[in-house]
């Protein structure tokens, strides 16, 4: 027999509901460690999250590659006076790196936005599910404004 929840607290990422069923305390909780809680909330979207991180890492590496290409151009062509190196090839390399960086940055942003929206939806679903499972007596004695204030 389920009694009324002993605690109802919401945080930015956590929803904690503790019920007493007989002598056993059951909990539908996320861990207190925020990183572990985010990891749990990312379930189902971890691939998207890691794709975003990989795209961002490659884009940053491409930016570094662009700086190294610029260094090569300045040291070898301008200072070194080696004008026999194809300037069109260097310019094309700069453009290719910039294009790759732009595409990867776009996909990184898109994937991270998708993952964060799905995590937000998961939090909302957990909160709604919890509120729906509360007893009628709880809803009867709690003002709507208090419930909304706890949820926002």
C-alpha atoms as a PDB file:
ATOM      1  CA  UNK A   1       0.000   0.000   0.000  1.00  0.00           C
ATOM      2  CA  UNK A   2       1.531   3.263  -1.127  1.00  0.00           C
ATOM      3  CA  UNK A   3       1.448   6.205   1.226  1.00  0.00           C
ATOM      4  CA  UNK A   4       1.857   9.838   0.385  1.00  0.00           C
ATOM      5  CA  UNK A   5       5.372  10.898  -0.621  1.00  0.00           C
ATOM      6  CA  UNK A   6       7.619  11.940   2.211  1.00  0.00           C
ATOM      7  CA  UNK A   7       9.561  14.367   0.100  1.00  0.00           C
ATOM      8  CA  UNK A   8       8.956  16.175  -3.131  1.00  0.00           C
ATOM      9  CA  UNK A   9      11.811  18.275  -4.313  1.00  0.00           C
ATOM     10  CA  UNK A  10      12.804  19.342  -7.750  1.00  0.00           C
ATOM     11  CA  UNK A  11      16.033  20.889  -8.788  1.00  0.00           C
ATOM     12  CA  UNK A  12      17.496  21.878 -12.096  1.00  0.00           C
ATOM     13  CA  UNK A  13      18.057  18.238 -12.986  1.00  0.00           C
ATOM     14  CA  UNK A  14      16.717  16.113 -10.177  1.00  0.00           C
ATOM     15  CA  UNK A  15      13.356  14.767  -9.162  1.00  0.00           C
ATOM     16  CA  UNK A  16      13.312  12.816  -5.938  1.00  0.00           C
ATOM     17  CA  UNK A  17      10.261  10.899  -4.762  1.00  0.00           C
ATOM     18  CA  UNK A  18      10.437   8.689  -1.699  1.00  0.00           C
ATOM     19  CA  UNK A  19       7.504   6.497  -0.680  1.00  0.00           C
ATOM     20  CA  UNK A  20       7.179   4.057   2.155  1.00  0.00           C
ATOM     21  CA  UNK A  21       5.781   0.713   1.170  1.00  0.00           C
ATOM     22  CA  UNK A  22       5.528  -1.430   4.263  1.00  0.00           C
ATOM     23  CA  UNK A  23       8.970  -1.446   5.854  1.00  0.00           C
ATOM     24  CA  UNK A  24      10.767  -0.756   2.575  1.00  0.00           C
ATOM     25  CA  UNK A  25      11.628   2.716   1.358  1.00  0.00           C
ATOM     26  CA  UNK A  26      11.542   2.895  -2.440  1.00  0.00           C
ATOM     27  CA  UNK A  27      12.942   5.781  -4.386  1.00  0.00           C
ATOM     28  CA  UNK A  28      12.559   7.003  -7.930  1.00  0.00           C
ATOM     29  CA  UNK A  29      15.643   9.165  -7.803  1.00  0.00           C
ATOM     30  CA  UNK A  30      18.564  10.424  -9.691  1.00  0.00           C
ATOM     31  CA  UNK A  31      21.881  10.314  -7.841  1.00  0.00           C
ATOM     32  CA  UNK A  32      23.132  13.296  -5.880  1.00  0.00           C
ATOM     33  CA  UNK A  33      26.229  13.576  -8.087  1.00  0.00           C
ATOM     34  CA  UNK A  34      25.173  15.964 -10.898  1.00  0.00           C
ATOM     35  CA  UNK A  35      27.431  14.359 -13.526  1.00  0.00           C
ATOM     36  CA  UNK A  36      26.016  10.914 -12.794  1.00  0.00           C
ATOM     37  CA  UNK A  37      22.509  12.358 -12.950  1.00  0.00           C
ATOM     38  CA  UNK A  38      23.196  13.901 -16.354  1.00  0.00           C
ATOM     39  CA  UNK A  39      24.641  10.572 -17.517  1.00  0.00           C
ATOM     40  CA  UNK A  40      21.417   8.812 -16.504  1.00  0.00           C
ATOM     41  CA  UNK A  41      19.274  11.466 -18.185  1.00  0.00           C
ATOM     42  CA  UNK A  42      21.332  11.091 -21.375  1.00  0.00           C
ATOM     43  CA  UNK A  43      20.355   7.437 -21.715  1.00  0.00           C
ATOM     44  CA  UNK A  44      19.094   6.941 -25.221  1.00  0.00           C
ATOM     45  CA  UNK A  45      20.906  10.046 -26.456  1.00  0.00           C
ATOM     46  CA  UNK A  46      24.502   9.219 -25.550  1.00  0.00           C
ATOM     47  CA  UNK A  47      25.374   8.487 -29.172  1.00  0.00           C
ATOM     48  CA  UNK A  48      24.080  11.888 -30.254  1.00  0.00           C
ATOM     49  CA  UNK A  49      25.960  13.545 -27.407  1.00  0.00           C
ATOM     50  CA  UNK A  50      29.249  11.826 -28.292  1.00  0.00           C
ATOM     51  CA  UNK A  51      28.718  12.638 -31.976  1.00  0.00           C
ATOM     52  CA  UNK A  52      28.436  16.313 -31.024  1.00  0.00           C
ATOM     53  CA  UNK A  53      31.604  16.120 -28.938  1.00  0.00           C
ATOM     54  CA  UNK A  54      33.488  14.329 -31.741  1.00  0.00           C
ATOM     55  CA  UNK A  55      32.400  16.914 -34.325  1.00  0.00           C
ATOM     56  CA  UNK A  56      33.453  19.725 -32.026  1.00  0.00           C
ATOM     57  CA  UNK A  57      36.821  18.070 -31.357  1.00  0.00           C
ATOM     58  CA  UNK A  58      37.510  17.603 -35.056  1.00  0.00           C
ATOM     59  CA  UNK A  59      36.460  21.206 -35.759  1.00  0.00           C
ATOM     60  CA  UNK A  60      38.896  22.453 -33.114  1.00  0.00           C
ATOM     61  CA  UNK A  61      41.624  20.255 -34.593  1.00  0.00           C
ATOM     62  CA  UNK A  62      40.792  21.762 -37.997  1.00  0.00           C
ATOM     63  CA  UNK A  63      41.208  25.230 -36.547  1.00  0.00           C
ATOM     64  CA  UNK A  64      44.622  24.214 -35.265  1.00  0.00           C
ATOM     65  CA  UNK A  65      45.420  22.809 -38.706  1.00  0.00           C
ATOM     66  CA  UNK A  66      44.474  26.145 -40.247  1.00  0.00           C
ATOM     67  CA  UNK A  67      46.855  27.959 -37.921  1.00  0.00           C
ATOM     68  CA  UNK A  68      49.642  25.488 -38.771  1.00  0.00           C
ATOM     69  CA  UNK A  69      48.976  25.996 -42.482  1.00  0.00           C
ATOM     70  CA  UNK A  70      49.156  29.751 -41.965  1.00  0.00           C
ATOM     71  CA  UNK A  71      52.455  29.350 -40.107  1.00  0.00           C
ATOM     72  CA  UNK A  72      53.812  27.240 -42.978  1.00  0.00           C
ATOM     73  CA  UNK A  73      52.717  29.885 -45.483  1.00  0.00           C
ATOM     74  CA  UNK A  74      54.350  32.739 -43.566  1.00  0.00           C
ATOM     75  CA  UNK A  75      57.574  30.896 -42.678  1.00  0.00           C
ATOM     76  CA  UNK A  76      58.134  29.133 -45.993  1.00  0.00           C
ATOM     77  CA  UNK A  77      56.627  31.349 -48.662  1.00  0.00           C
ATOM     78  CA  UNK A  78      56.785  34.896 -47.344  1.00  0.00           C
ATOM     79  CA  UNK A  79      59.869  34.828 -45.086  1.00  0.00           C
ATOM     80  CA  UNK A  80      61.669  31.961 -46.855  1.00  0.00           C
ATOM     81  CA  UNK A  81      61.023  33.372 -50.308  1.00  0.00           C
ATOM     82  CA  UNK A  82      59.945  30.052 -51.811  1.00  0.00           C
ATOM     83  CA  UNK A  83      57.459  31.361 -54.367  1.00  0.00           C
ATOM     84  CA  UNK A  84      57.600  28.107 -56.320  1.00  0.00           C
ATOM     85  CA  UNK A  85      55.005  26.614 -53.925  1.00  0.00           C
ATOM     86  CA  UNK A  86      51.523  26.710 -55.406  1.00  0.00           C
ATOM     87  CA  UNK A  87      49.579  29.557 -53.849  1.00  0.00           C
ATOM     88  CA  UNK A  88      46.381  28.130 -55.301  1.00  0.00           C
ATOM     89  CA  UNK A  89      46.982  24.896 -53.392  1.00  0.00           C
ATOM     90  CA  UNK A  90      47.528  26.796 -50.140  1.00  0.00           C
ATOM     91  CA  UNK A  91      44.430  28.946 -50.715  1.00  0.00           C
ATOM     92  CA  UNK A  92      42.388  25.838 -51.530  1.00  0.00           C
ATOM     93  CA  UNK A  93      43.643  24.177 -48.366  1.00  0.00           C
ATOM     94  CA  UNK A  94      42.570  27.188 -46.300  1.00  0.00           C
ATOM     95  CA  UNK A  95      39.117  27.093 -47.882  1.00  0.00           C
ATOM     96  CA  UNK A  96      38.783  23.334 -47.404  1.00  0.00           C
ATOM     97  CA  UNK A  97      39.723  23.585 -43.733  1.00  0.00           C
ATOM     98  CA  UNK A  98      37.280  26.464 -43.202  1.00  0.00           C
ATOM     99  CA  UNK A  99      34.489  24.540 -44.941  1.00  0.00           C
ATOM    100  CA  UNK A 100      35.110  21.379 -42.924  1.00  0.00           C
ATOM    101  CA  UNK A 101      35.243  23.383 -39.678  1.00  0.00           C
ATOM    102  CA  UNK A 102      31.963  25.110 -40.531  1.00  0.00           C
ATOM    103  CA  UNK A 103      30.154  21.863 -41.371  1.00  0.00           C
ATOM    104  CA  UNK A 104      31.413  20.095 -38.265  1.00  0.00           C
ATOM    105  CA  UNK A 105      30.537  23.050 -36.030  1.00  0.00           C
ATOM    106  CA  UNK A 106      27.026  23.101 -37.492  1.00  0.00           C
ATOM    107  CA  UNK A 107      26.473  19.388 -36.888  1.00  0.00           C
ATOM    108  CA  UNK A 108      27.969  19.634 -33.412  1.00  0.00           C
ATOM    109  CA  UNK A 109      25.525  22.404 -32.496  1.00  0.00           C
ATOM    110  CA  UNK A 110      22.600  20.577 -34.046  1.00  0.00           C
ATOM    111  CA  UNK A 111      23.373  17.295 -32.271  1.00  0.00           C
ATOM    112  CA  UNK A 112      23.986  18.917 -28.885  1.00  0.00           C
ATOM    113  CA  UNK A 113      20.761  20.932 -29.185  1.00  0.00           C
ATOM    114  CA  UNK A 114      18.841  17.752 -30.003  1.00  0.00           C
ATOM    115  CA  UNK A 115      20.337  15.874 -27.051  1.00  0.00           C
ATOM    116  CA  UNK A 116      19.660  18.736 -24.642  1.00  0.00           C
ATOM    117  CA  UNK A 117      16.058  19.091 -25.826  1.00  0.00           C
ATOM    118  CA  UNK A 118      15.485  15.379 -25.310  1.00  0.00           C
ATOM    119  CA  UNK A 119      17.005  15.520 -21.805  1.00  0.00           C
ATOM    120  CA  UNK A 120      14.733  18.464 -20.993  1.00  0.00           C
ATOM    121  CA  UNK A 121      11.763  16.490 -22.275  1.00  0.00           C
ATOM    122  CA  UNK A 122      12.779  13.524 -20.127  1.00  0.00           C
ATOM    123  CA  UNK A 123      12.911  15.745 -17.029  1.00  0.00           C
ATOM    124  CA  UNK A 124       9.478  17.175 -17.837  1.00  0.00           C
ATOM    125  CA  UNK A 125       8.058  13.696 -18.379  1.00  0.00           C
ATOM    126  CA  UNK A 126       9.454  12.501 -15.043  1.00  0.00           C
ATOM    127  CA  UNK A 127       7.996  15.493 -13.249  1.00  0.00           C
ATOM    128  CA  UNK A 128       4.595  15.114 -14.917  1.00  0.00           C
ATOM    129  CA  UNK A 129       4.550  11.380 -14.161  1.00  0.00           C
ATOM    130  CA  UNK A 130       5.330  12.063 -10.528  1.00  0.00           C
ATOM    131  CA  UNK A 131       2.646  14.737 -10.190  1.00  0.00           C
ATOM    132  CA  UNK A 132       0.079  12.437 -11.802  1.00  0.00           C
ATOM    133  CA  UNK A 133       0.885   9.667  -9.319  1.00  0.00           C
ATOM    134  CA  UNK A 134       0.372  11.849  -6.248  1.00  0.00           C
ATOM    135  CA  UNK A 135      -2.727  11.091  -4.222  1.00  0.00           C
ATOM    136  CA  UNK A 136      -5.922  13.058  -4.613  1.00  0.00           C
ATOM    137  CA  UNK A 137      -5.578  14.200  -1.000  1.00  0.00           C
ATOM    138  CA  UNK A 138      -2.226  15.799  -1.821  1.00  0.00           C
ATOM    139  CA  UNK A 139      -3.725  17.710  -4.755  1.00  0.00           C
ATOM    140  CA  UNK A 140      -6.714  18.676  -2.634  1.00  0.00           C
ATOM    141  CA  UNK A 141      -4.651  20.233   0.158  1.00  0.00           C
ATOM    142  CA  UNK A 142      -1.900  21.753  -2.011  1.00  0.00           C
ATOM    143  CA  UNK A 143      -2.619  25.012  -3.779  1.00  0.00           C
ATOM    144  CA  UNK A 144      -2.085  25.033  -7.524  1.00  0.00           C
ATOM    145  CA  UNK A 145       0.319  27.959  -7.236  1.00  0.00           C
ATOM    146  CA  UNK A 146       2.543  26.018  -4.832  1.00  0.00           C
ATOM    147  CA  UNK A 147       2.660  23.081  -7.201  1.00  0.00           C
ATOM    148  CA  UNK A 148       3.520  25.294 -10.154  1.00  0.00           C
ATOM    149  CA  UNK A 149       6.156  27.131  -8.114  1.00  0.00           C
ATOM    150  CA  UNK A 150       7.850  23.844  -7.224  1.00  0.00           C
ATOM    151  CA  UNK A 151       7.823  22.753 -10.840  1.00  0.00           C
ATOM    152  CA  UNK A 152       9.371  25.909 -12.276  1.00  0.00           C
END
